[in-house]
Structures are given as C-alpha cells and as structure tokens.
Amino acid sequence: MILLTSKTEFANRIEGLEQGADAYLGKPFSVEELHTLIGNLIANRIRLKGKYSGSSTQEGKRAPIVLQSSDEMLMDRIMKVISSAFKKMYGISPTEYKEANEE
C-alpha cells in the first residue's frame, strides 16, 4: 500500500508505516517517483513469492497433474477391451501385430 497524503510530518509518516503502508509519499509528489516505487514494490513481491513458494526447490519432486475428459477415459476403456480381445484371438497385441506387418 502506498499512502499519498498531504500530511508530511515525521509522526504522520511513522504512523502510516506502522499501519502497514509500504511507502509514504507526501504531496506534492513526483509521478516518476510513484512509478519507481510501484515498480520496486511489484519486483520485490515477485522475488519474495518465488523465494518462499518453494517452486524452485520442488521442481522435479512433484508429478504434473494430467486430467482426462470423460470422452478420453471412455476411449481408453474401449481401446483396452479391443486390445484384450485381439490378444485373445490372435495371441499378440495389436501393437505387436502392426509392428510385425510393417516390416
């Protein structure tokens, strides 16, 4: 939070900062100073988020979540049934049959 106020006394600035303000700008203020302050605050938040989120230390430790639609799940089940029936009939899987006939 950035306080933009006409109260420029030291006691007012301290009170604002103690209430949780990240910065305190007294009027009149420079737009360039405000932009710089905003940029610094955003950069610091991003840096802190990256440091404390644990995302860099968790890379490779967590498995990605893969979601399937109901259509994809149905097709997977159908393909398993067909593959199982094919293997019972011919003694080999459809993949093995395909590979043998591609040569």
C-alpha atoms as a PDB file:
ATOM      1  CA  MET A   1       0.000   0.000   0.000  1.00  0.00           C
ATOM      2  CA  ILE A   2       1.305   3.424  -0.907  1.00  0.00           C
ATOM      3  CA  LEU A   3      -0.014   6.395   1.038  1.00  0.00           C
ATOM      4  CA  LEU A   4      -0.347   9.634  -0.922  1.00  0.00           C
ATOM      5  CA  THR A   5      -1.105  12.364   1.579  1.00  0.00           C
ATOM      6  CA  SER A   6      -0.649  15.998   2.417  1.00  0.00           C
ATOM      7  CA  LYS A   7       0.429  15.063   5.952  1.00  0.00           C
ATOM      8  CA  THR A   8       4.197  15.246   5.679  1.00  0.00           C
ATOM      9  CA  GLU A   9       5.168  15.476   9.345  1.00  0.00           C
ATOM     10  CA  PHE A  10       7.524  12.783  10.576  1.00  0.00           C
ATOM     11  CA  ALA A  11       4.975  11.492  13.135  1.00  0.00           C
ATOM     12  CA  ASN A  12       2.339  11.102  10.398  1.00  0.00           C
ATOM     13  CA  ARG A  13       4.764   9.190   8.169  1.00  0.00           C
ATOM     14  CA  ILE A  14       5.716   6.837  11.013  1.00  0.00           C
ATOM     15  CA  GLU A  15       2.050   6.279  11.870  1.00  0.00           C
ATOM     16  CA  GLY A  16       1.245   5.401   8.239  1.00  0.00           C
ATOM     17  CA  LEU A  17       4.155   2.988   8.011  1.00  0.00           C
ATOM     18  CA  GLU A  18       3.199   1.370  11.325  1.00  0.00           C
ATOM     19  CA  GLN A  19      -0.319   0.848   9.980  1.00  0.00           C
ATOM     20  CA  GLY A  20       1.105  -1.281   7.174  1.00  0.00           C
ATOM     21  CA  ALA A  21       1.915   1.124   4.366  1.00  0.00           C
ATOM     22  CA  ASP A  22       4.793   0.037   2.139  1.00  0.00           C
ATOM     23  CA  ALA A  23       5.573   3.619   1.201  1.00  0.00           C
ATOM     24  CA  TYR A  24       4.536   7.125   2.176  1.00  0.00           C
ATOM     25  CA  LEU A  25       4.547   9.946  -0.362  1.00  0.00           C
ATOM     26  CA  GLY A  26       3.725  13.468   0.682  1.00  0.00           C
ATOM     27  CA  LYS A  27       2.034  15.915  -1.640  1.00  0.00           C
ATOM     28  CA  PRO A  28       3.152  17.282  -3.955  1.00  0.00           C
ATOM     29  CA  PHE A  29       4.753  14.100  -5.230  1.00  0.00           C
ATOM     30  CA  SER A  30       6.551  13.218  -8.415  1.00  0.00           C
ATOM     31  CA  VAL A  31       4.777  10.843 -10.813  1.00  0.00           C
ATOM     32  CA  GLU A  32       8.184   9.424 -11.718  1.00  0.00           C
ATOM     33  CA  GLU A  33       8.835   8.680  -8.038  1.00  0.00           C
ATOM     34  CA  LEU A  34       5.423   6.994  -7.752  1.00  0.00           C
ATOM     35  CA  HIS A  35       6.087   4.830 -10.842  1.00  0.00           C
ATOM     36  CA  THR A  36       9.504   3.832  -9.498  1.00  0.00           C
ATOM     37  CA  LEU A  37       8.018   2.957  -6.117  1.00  0.00           C
ATOM     38  CA  ILE A  38       5.286   0.844  -7.712  1.00  0.00           C
ATOM     39  CA  GLY A  39       7.845  -0.953  -9.900  1.00  0.00           C
ATOM     40  CA  ASN A  40      10.067  -1.701  -6.905  1.00  0.00           C
ATOM     41  CA  LEU A  41       7.162  -2.972  -4.811  1.00  0.00           C
ATOM     42  CA  ILE A  42       5.978  -5.292  -7.582  1.00  0.00           C
ATOM     43  CA  ALA A  43       9.510  -6.598  -8.209  1.00  0.00           C
ATOM     44  CA  ASN A  44      10.009  -7.260  -4.502  1.00  0.00           C
ATOM     45  CA  ARG A  45       6.684  -9.110  -4.247  1.00  0.00           C
ATOM     46  CA  ILE A  46       7.584 -11.309  -7.220  1.00  0.00           C
ATOM     47  CA  ARG A  47      11.034 -12.013  -5.783  1.00  0.00           C
ATOM     48  CA  LEU A  48       9.582 -12.918  -2.367  1.00  0.00           C
ATOM     49  CA  LYS A  49       6.881 -15.084  -3.897  1.00  0.00           C
ATOM     50  CA  GLY A  50       9.492 -17.026  -5.861  1.00  0.00           C
ATOM     51  CA  LYS A  51      11.750 -17.392  -2.834  1.00  0.00           C
ATOM     52  CA  TYR A  52       9.092 -18.583  -0.405  1.00  0.00           C
ATOM     53  CA  SER A  53       6.763 -20.500  -2.696  1.00  0.00           C
ATOM     54  CA  GLY A  54       9.241 -23.355  -2.890  1.00  0.00           C
ATOM     55  CA  SER A  55       8.596 -23.732  -6.590  1.00  0.00           C
ATOM     56  CA  SER A  56      12.288 -23.841  -7.481  1.00  0.00           C
ATOM     57  CA  THR A  57      13.093 -26.454  -4.820  1.00  0.00           C
ATOM     58  CA  GLN A  58      10.062 -28.574  -5.710  1.00  0.00           C
ATOM     59  CA  GLU A  59      10.835 -28.816  -9.418  1.00  0.00           C
ATOM     60  CA  GLY A  60      11.139 -32.489 -10.311  1.00  0.00           C
ATOM     61  CA  LYS A  61       9.698 -33.612  -6.971  1.00  0.00           C
ATOM     62  CA  ARG A  62       6.089 -33.210  -7.916  1.00  0.00           C
ATOM     63  CA  ALA A  63       4.260 -35.040 -10.656  1.00  0.00           C
ATOM     64  CA  PRO A  64       2.281 -32.951 -13.110  1.00  0.00           C
ATOM     65  CA  ILE A  65      -1.470 -33.389 -12.889  1.00  0.00           C
ATOM     66  CA  VAL A  66      -2.955 -34.830 -16.053  1.00  0.00           C
ATOM     67  CA  LEU A  67      -6.691 -34.526 -16.440  1.00  0.00           C
ATOM     68  CA  GLN A  68      -8.692 -36.583 -18.884  1.00  0.00           C
ATOM     69  CA  SER A  69     -12.104 -35.739 -20.216  1.00  0.00           C
ATOM     70  CA  SER A  70     -14.877 -38.311 -19.922  1.00  0.00           C
ATOM     71  CA  ASP A  71     -14.543 -38.921 -23.688  1.00  0.00           C
ATOM     72  CA  GLU A  72     -10.834 -39.692 -23.321  1.00  0.00           C
ATOM     73  CA  MET A  73     -11.498 -42.057 -20.403  1.00  0.00           C
ATOM     74  CA  LEU A  74     -14.204 -43.854 -22.427  1.00  0.00           C
ATOM     75  CA  MET A  75     -11.872 -44.208 -25.426  1.00  0.00           C
ATOM     76  CA  ASP A  76      -9.111 -45.596 -23.174  1.00  0.00           C
ATOM     77  CA  ARG A  77     -11.524 -48.221 -21.816  1.00  0.00           C
ATOM     78  CA  ILE A  78     -12.728 -49.139 -25.312  1.00  0.00           C
ATOM     79  CA  MET A  79      -9.155 -49.492 -26.586  1.00  0.00           C
ATOM     80  CA  LYS A  80      -8.242 -51.738 -23.641  1.00  0.00           C
ATOM     81  CA  VAL A  81     -11.227 -54.024 -24.334  1.00  0.00           C
ATOM     82  CA  ILE A  82     -10.393 -54.202 -28.052  1.00  0.00           C
ATOM     83  CA  SER A  83      -6.703 -54.869 -27.346  1.00  0.00           C
ATOM     84  CA  SER A  84      -7.575 -57.589 -24.848  1.00  0.00           C
ATOM     85  CA  ALA A  85      -9.987 -59.291 -27.289  1.00  0.00           C
ATOM     86  CA  PHE A  86      -7.425 -59.013 -30.133  1.00  0.00           C
ATOM     87  CA  LYS A  87      -4.734 -60.604 -27.984  1.00  0.00           C
ATOM     88  CA  LYS A  88      -7.056 -63.469 -27.004  1.00  0.00           C
ATOM     89  CA  MET A  89      -7.953 -64.100 -30.667  1.00  0.00           C
ATOM     90  CA  TYR A  90      -4.501 -63.800 -32.246  1.00  0.00           C
ATOM     91  CA  GLY A  91      -2.102 -64.325 -29.333  1.00  0.00           C
ATOM     92  CA  ILE A  92      -0.384 -60.969 -29.832  1.00  0.00           C
ATOM     93  CA  SER A  93      -1.272 -57.369 -29.096  1.00  0.00           C
ATOM     94  CA  PRO A  94      -2.450 -55.013 -31.853  1.00  0.00           C
ATOM     95  CA  THR A  95       0.816 -53.093 -31.495  1.00  0.00           C
ATOM     96  CA  GLU A  96       2.895 -56.252 -31.964  1.00  0.00           C
ATOM     97  CA  TYR A  97       0.733 -57.217 -34.959  1.00  0.00           C
ATOM     98  CA  LYS A  98       1.194 -53.794 -36.537  1.00  0.00           C
ATOM     99  CA  GLU A  99       4.971 -53.854 -35.999  1.00  0.00           C
ATOM    100  CA  ALA A 100       5.261 -57.343 -37.470  1.00  0.00           C
ATOM    101  CA  ASN A 101       3.346 -56.343 -40.586  1.00  0.00           C
ATOM    102  CA  GLU A 102       5.248 -53.097 -41.182  1.00  0.00           C
ATOM    103  CA  GLU A 103       8.490 -54.908 -41.952  1.00  0.00           C
END
